[in-house]
Amino acid sequence: MAVATVPERKLETLYVQKETLIAAPVEVVFDTLFEAQGPMKDMQIKIERFVGGRWYRDLGDGAGHLWGHVQVIKPPKLLELCGPMFMSYPVMSHVQYRLTEEGGGVRLTLTHQAVGLLTAEHMSGVNEGWQQIVEGIRTRAEERSRR
């Protein structure tokens, strides 16, 4: 049996933090965290709303991708998710959504930390992706609060 060799890879780390102020009640913002936003919207991303719940991409007919699990849920202030996310290689990610009431609205602080055999493509694309998601949460929560 032949053994394939690959170029040596090294462990990489990732740290992304995004913040935005949202003009909506904290409960509305928290509920909005469970709706797919930005690039995840068309991907059928779902989060089960309990500790240990799956964060996954549902492709139908029993197919999909496990992105992670709910590690911490403290409504309406904190949601933490851990797992490989969209990366199909050895990696561990931790995503935290922290909501803090501030000035009649809510400050959303999203932090994504990861360690593993991260690819350059994921290292560069994740920053823009999280920005779109944070903006989507802000827009959707503010729309919902005006109803």
C-alpha atoms as a PDB file:
ATOM      1  CA  MET A   1       0.000   0.000   0.000  1.00  0.00           C
ATOM      2  CA  ALA A   2       1.382   3.395  -1.004  1.00  0.00           C
ATOM      3  CA  VAL A   3       1.430   6.291   1.443  1.00  0.00           C
ATOM      4  CA  ALA A   4       0.648   9.700   0.020  1.00  0.00           C
ATOM      5  CA  THR A   5       2.631  12.652   1.251  1.00  0.00           C
ATOM      6  CA  VAL A   6       1.347  16.169   1.503  1.00  0.00           C
ATOM      7  CA  PRO A   7       3.170  19.409   2.090  1.00  0.00           C
ATOM      8  CA  GLU A   8       3.722  20.105   5.773  1.00  0.00           C
ATOM      9  CA  ARG A   9       0.978  22.235   7.302  1.00  0.00           C
ATOM     10  CA  LYS A  10       1.063  24.143  10.538  1.00  0.00           C
ATOM     11  CA  LEU A  11      -1.521  25.095  13.102  1.00  0.00           C
ATOM     12  CA  GLU A  12      -3.012  28.525  12.569  1.00  0.00           C
ATOM     13  CA  THR A  13      -5.150  30.677  14.825  1.00  0.00           C
ATOM     14  CA  LEU A  14      -7.990  32.999  13.936  1.00  0.00           C
ATOM     15  CA  TYR A  15      -9.502  35.877  15.889  1.00  0.00           C
ATOM     16  CA  VAL A  16     -12.330  38.030  14.518  1.00  0.00           C
ATOM     17  CA  GLN A  17     -14.441  40.463  16.516  1.00  0.00           C
ATOM     18  CA  LYS A  18     -17.353  42.523  15.178  1.00  0.00           C
ATOM     19  CA  GLU A  19     -19.543  44.984  17.043  1.00  0.00           C
ATOM     20  CA  THR A  20     -22.650  46.930  16.169  1.00  0.00           C
ATOM     21  CA  LEU A  21     -25.265  48.941  18.015  1.00  0.00           C
ATOM     22  CA  ILE A  22     -28.823  47.778  17.322  1.00  0.00           C
ATOM     23  CA  ALA A  23     -31.945  49.910  17.888  1.00  0.00           C
ATOM     24  CA  ALA A  24     -34.149  47.077  19.173  1.00  0.00           C
ATOM     25  CA  PRO A  25     -35.036  45.395  22.478  1.00  0.00           C
ATOM     26  CA  VAL A  26     -32.546  42.786  23.679  1.00  0.00           C
ATOM     27  CA  GLU A  27     -35.148  39.977  23.435  1.00  0.00           C
ATOM     28  CA  VAL A  28     -35.761  40.776  19.755  1.00  0.00           C
ATOM     29  CA  VAL A  29     -32.029  40.821  19.000  1.00  0.00           C
ATOM     30  CA  PHE A  30     -31.522  37.510  20.813  1.00  0.00           C
ATOM     31  CA  ASP A  31     -34.356  35.858  18.864  1.00  0.00           C
ATOM     32  CA  THR A  32     -32.824  37.167  15.628  1.00  0.00           C
ATOM     33  CA  LEU A  33     -29.561  35.306  16.357  1.00  0.00           C
ATOM     34  CA  PHE A  34     -31.415  32.100  15.480  1.00  0.00           C
ATOM     35  CA  GLU A  35     -32.347  33.324  11.987  1.00  0.00           C
ATOM     36  CA  ALA A  36     -29.724  32.772   9.282  1.00  0.00           C
ATOM     37  CA  GLN A  37     -28.227  36.062   8.012  1.00  0.00           C
ATOM     38  CA  GLY A  38     -25.723  37.144   5.352  1.00  0.00           C
ATOM     39  CA  PRO A  39     -24.005  34.306   3.504  1.00  0.00           C
ATOM     40  CA  MET A  40     -25.706  31.732   5.769  1.00  0.00           C
ATOM     41  CA  LYS A  41     -29.218  32.771   4.723  1.00  0.00           C
ATOM     42  CA  ASP A  42     -29.295  30.759   1.482  1.00  0.00           C
ATOM     43  CA  MET A  43     -27.412  27.821   2.997  1.00  0.00           C
ATOM     44  CA  GLN A  44     -30.283  26.478   5.146  1.00  0.00           C
ATOM     45  CA  ILE A  45     -28.322  27.035   8.377  1.00  0.00           C
ATOM     46  CA  LYS A  46     -30.200  26.091  11.557  1.00  0.00           C
ATOM     47  CA  ILE A  47     -29.452  26.424  15.255  1.00  0.00           C
ATOM     48  CA  GLU A  48     -31.352  24.315  17.761  1.00  0.00           C
ATOM     49  CA  ARG A  49     -32.178  26.565  20.703  1.00  0.00           C
ATOM     50  CA  PHE A  50     -30.916  24.519  23.665  1.00  0.00           C
ATOM     51  CA  VAL A  51     -27.593  23.493  25.238  1.00  0.00           C
ATOM     52  CA  GLY A  52     -26.073  20.774  23.048  1.00  0.00           C
ATOM     53  CA  GLY A  53     -28.330  21.751  20.159  1.00  0.00           C
ATOM     54  CA  ARG A  54     -26.926  21.373  16.675  1.00  0.00           C
ATOM     55  CA  TRP A  55     -25.737  24.229  14.485  1.00  0.00           C
ATOM     56  CA  TYR A  56     -25.982  22.684  11.042  1.00  0.00           C
ATOM     57  CA  ARG A  57     -26.610  23.060   7.338  1.00  0.00           C
ATOM     58  CA  ASP A  58     -29.696  21.105   6.288  1.00  0.00           C
ATOM     59  CA  LEU A  59     -29.414  19.919   2.669  1.00  0.00           C
ATOM     60  CA  GLY A  60     -32.587  17.805   2.881  1.00  0.00           C
ATOM     61  CA  ASP A  61     -33.045  14.052   2.432  1.00  0.00           C
ATOM     62  CA  GLY A  62     -30.870  13.366   5.480  1.00  0.00           C
ATOM     63  CA  ALA A  63     -27.842  15.208   4.004  1.00  0.00           C
ATOM     64  CA  GLY A  64     -26.042  18.127   5.586  1.00  0.00           C
ATOM     65  CA  HIS A  65     -23.041  19.456   7.481  1.00  0.00           C
ATOM     66  CA  LEU A  66     -22.640  19.700  11.263  1.00  0.00           C
ATOM     67  CA  TRP A  67     -21.096  23.082  11.978  1.00  0.00           C
ATOM     68  CA  GLY A  68     -21.104  22.780  15.751  1.00  0.00           C
ATOM     69  CA  HIS A  69     -23.155  22.712  18.919  1.00  0.00           C
ATOM     70  CA  VAL A  70     -24.672  25.219  21.306  1.00  0.00           C
ATOM     71  CA  GLN A  71     -22.178  25.412  24.168  1.00  0.00           C
ATOM     72  CA  VAL A  72     -23.801  28.194  26.212  1.00  0.00           C
ATOM     73  CA  ILE A  73     -27.235  29.776  25.985  1.00  0.00           C
ATOM     74  CA  LYS A  74     -28.287  32.485  28.455  1.00  0.00           C
ATOM     75  CA  PRO A  75     -31.309  34.285  26.998  1.00  0.00           C
ATOM     76  CA  PRO A  76     -31.320  37.131  26.182  1.00  0.00           C
ATOM     77  CA  LYS A  77     -27.643  38.004  26.737  1.00  0.00           C
ATOM     78  CA  LEU A  78     -25.329  35.234  25.503  1.00  0.00           C
ATOM     79  CA  LEU A  79     -25.059  32.509  22.871  1.00  0.00           C
ATOM     80  CA  GLU A  80     -21.884  30.454  22.347  1.00  0.00           C
ATOM     81  CA  LEU A  81     -21.320  27.853  19.632  1.00  0.00           C
ATOM     82  CA  CYS A  82     -18.376  25.489  19.207  1.00  0.00           C
ATOM     83  CA  GLY A  83     -17.341  23.129  16.407  1.00  0.00           C
ATOM     84  CA  PRO A  84     -15.603  23.003  13.023  1.00  0.00           C
ATOM     85  CA  MET A  85     -18.149  25.332  11.356  1.00  0.00           C
ATOM     86  CA  PHE A  86     -17.838  25.429   7.562  1.00  0.00           C
ATOM     87  CA  MET A  87     -14.322  23.964   7.609  1.00  0.00           C
ATOM     88  CA  SER A  88     -14.062  20.295   6.600  1.00  0.00           C
ATOM     89  CA  TYR A  89     -10.631  19.666   8.071  1.00  0.00           C
ATOM     90  CA  PRO A  90      -9.056  19.516  11.546  1.00  0.00           C
ATOM     91  CA  VAL A  91     -10.154  22.737  13.262  1.00  0.00           C
ATOM     92  CA  MET A  92     -12.049  23.874  16.349  1.00  0.00           C
ATOM     93  CA  SER A  93     -13.993  27.120  16.425  1.00  0.00           C
ATOM     94  CA  HIS A  94     -15.730  29.047  19.172  1.00  0.00           C
ATOM     95  CA  VAL A  95     -18.278  31.738  18.287  1.00  0.00           C
ATOM     96  CA  GLN A  96     -19.736  34.034  20.909  1.00  0.00           C
ATOM     97  CA  TYR A  97     -22.663  36.425  20.506  1.00  0.00           C
ATOM     98  CA  ARG A  98     -22.791  38.760  23.527  1.00  0.00           C
ATOM     99  CA  LEU A  99     -25.659  41.254  23.882  1.00  0.00           C
ATOM    100  CA  THR A 100     -25.310  44.276  26.169  1.00  0.00           C
ATOM    101  CA  GLU A 101     -28.056  46.839  26.655  1.00  0.00           C
ATOM    102  CA  GLU A 102     -26.675  50.283  25.901  1.00  0.00           C
ATOM    103  CA  GLY A 103     -28.193  53.697  25.222  1.00  0.00           C
ATOM    104  CA  GLY A 104     -31.719  52.470  24.551  1.00  0.00           C
ATOM    105  CA  GLY A 105     -30.488  49.729  22.242  1.00  0.00           C
ATOM    106  CA  VAL A 106     -28.264  46.692  22.259  1.00  0.00           C
ATOM    107  CA  ARG A 107     -24.564  46.312  21.547  1.00  0.00           C
ATOM    108  CA  LEU A 108     -23.915  43.035  19.736  1.00  0.00           C
ATOM    109  CA  THR A 109     -20.343  41.795  20.076  1.00  0.00           C
ATOM    110  CA  LEU A 110     -19.547  38.761  17.946  1.00  0.00           C
ATOM    111  CA  THR A 111     -16.236  36.980  18.528  1.00  0.00           C
ATOM    112  CA  HIS A 112     -14.980  34.051  16.439  1.00  0.00           C
ATOM    113  CA  GLN A 113     -11.830  32.246  17.559  1.00  0.00           C
ATOM    114  CA  ALA A 114     -10.422  29.152  15.885  1.00  0.00           C
ATOM    115  CA  VAL A 115      -7.342  26.949  15.904  1.00  0.00           C
ATOM    116  CA  GLY A 116      -6.379  24.227  13.457  1.00  0.00           C
ATOM    117  CA  LEU A 117      -5.145  23.606   9.938  1.00  0.00           C
ATOM    118  CA  LEU A 118      -6.902  26.743   8.685  1.00  0.00           C
ATOM    119  CA  THR A 119      -6.661  27.483   4.977  1.00  0.00           C
ATOM    120  CA  ALA A 120      -5.708  30.904   3.619  1.00  0.00           C
ATOM    121  CA  GLU A 121      -9.102  31.091   1.881  1.00  0.00           C
ATOM    122  CA  HIS A 122     -11.005  30.713   5.140  1.00  0.00           C
ATOM    123  CA  MET A 123      -8.656  33.046   7.023  1.00  0.00           C
ATOM    124  CA  SER A 124      -9.290  35.848   4.530  1.00  0.00           C
ATOM    125  CA  GLY A 125     -13.010  35.275   3.839  1.00  0.00           C
ATOM    126  CA  VAL A 126     -14.307  34.903   7.389  1.00  0.00           C
ATOM    127  CA  ASN A 127     -13.861  38.583   8.255  1.00  0.00           C
ATOM    128  CA  GLU A 128     -16.177  39.787   5.480  1.00  0.00           C
ATOM    129  CA  GLY A 129     -18.648  36.962   6.122  1.00  0.00           C
ATOM    130  CA  TRP A 130     -19.039  37.870   9.794  1.00  0.00           C
ATOM    131  CA  GLN A 131     -19.476  41.538   8.901  1.00  0.00           C
ATOM    132  CA  GLN A 132     -22.377  40.626   6.590  1.00  0.00           C
ATOM    133  CA  ILE A 133     -23.923  38.457   9.309  1.00  0.00           C
ATOM    134  CA  VAL A 134     -23.677  41.169  11.981  1.00  0.00           C
ATOM    135  CA  GLU A 135     -25.204  43.727   9.597  1.00  0.00           C
ATOM    136  CA  GLY A 136     -27.981  41.249   8.743  1.00  0.00           C
ATOM    137  CA  ILE A 137     -28.773  40.710  12.429  1.00  0.00           C
ATOM    138  CA  ARG A 138     -28.912  44.470  13.005  1.00  0.00           C
ATOM    139  CA  THR A 139     -31.169  45.108  10.001  1.00  0.00           C
ATOM    140  CA  ARG A 140     -33.539  42.208  10.753  1.00  0.00           C
ATOM    141  CA  ALA A 141     -33.825  42.983  14.502  1.00  0.00           C
ATOM    142  CA  GLU A 142     -34.543  46.655  13.809  1.00  0.00           C
ATOM    143  CA  GLU A 143     -37.202  45.661  11.223  1.00  0.00           C
ATOM    144  CA  ARG A 144     -38.808  43.251  13.704  1.00  0.00           C
ATOM    145  CA  SER A 145     -38.864  45.859  16.493  1.00  0.00           C
ATOM    146  CA  ARG A 146     -40.723  48.381  14.287  1.00  0.00           C
ATOM    147  CA  ARG A 147     -43.683  46.020  13.808  1.00  0.00           C
END
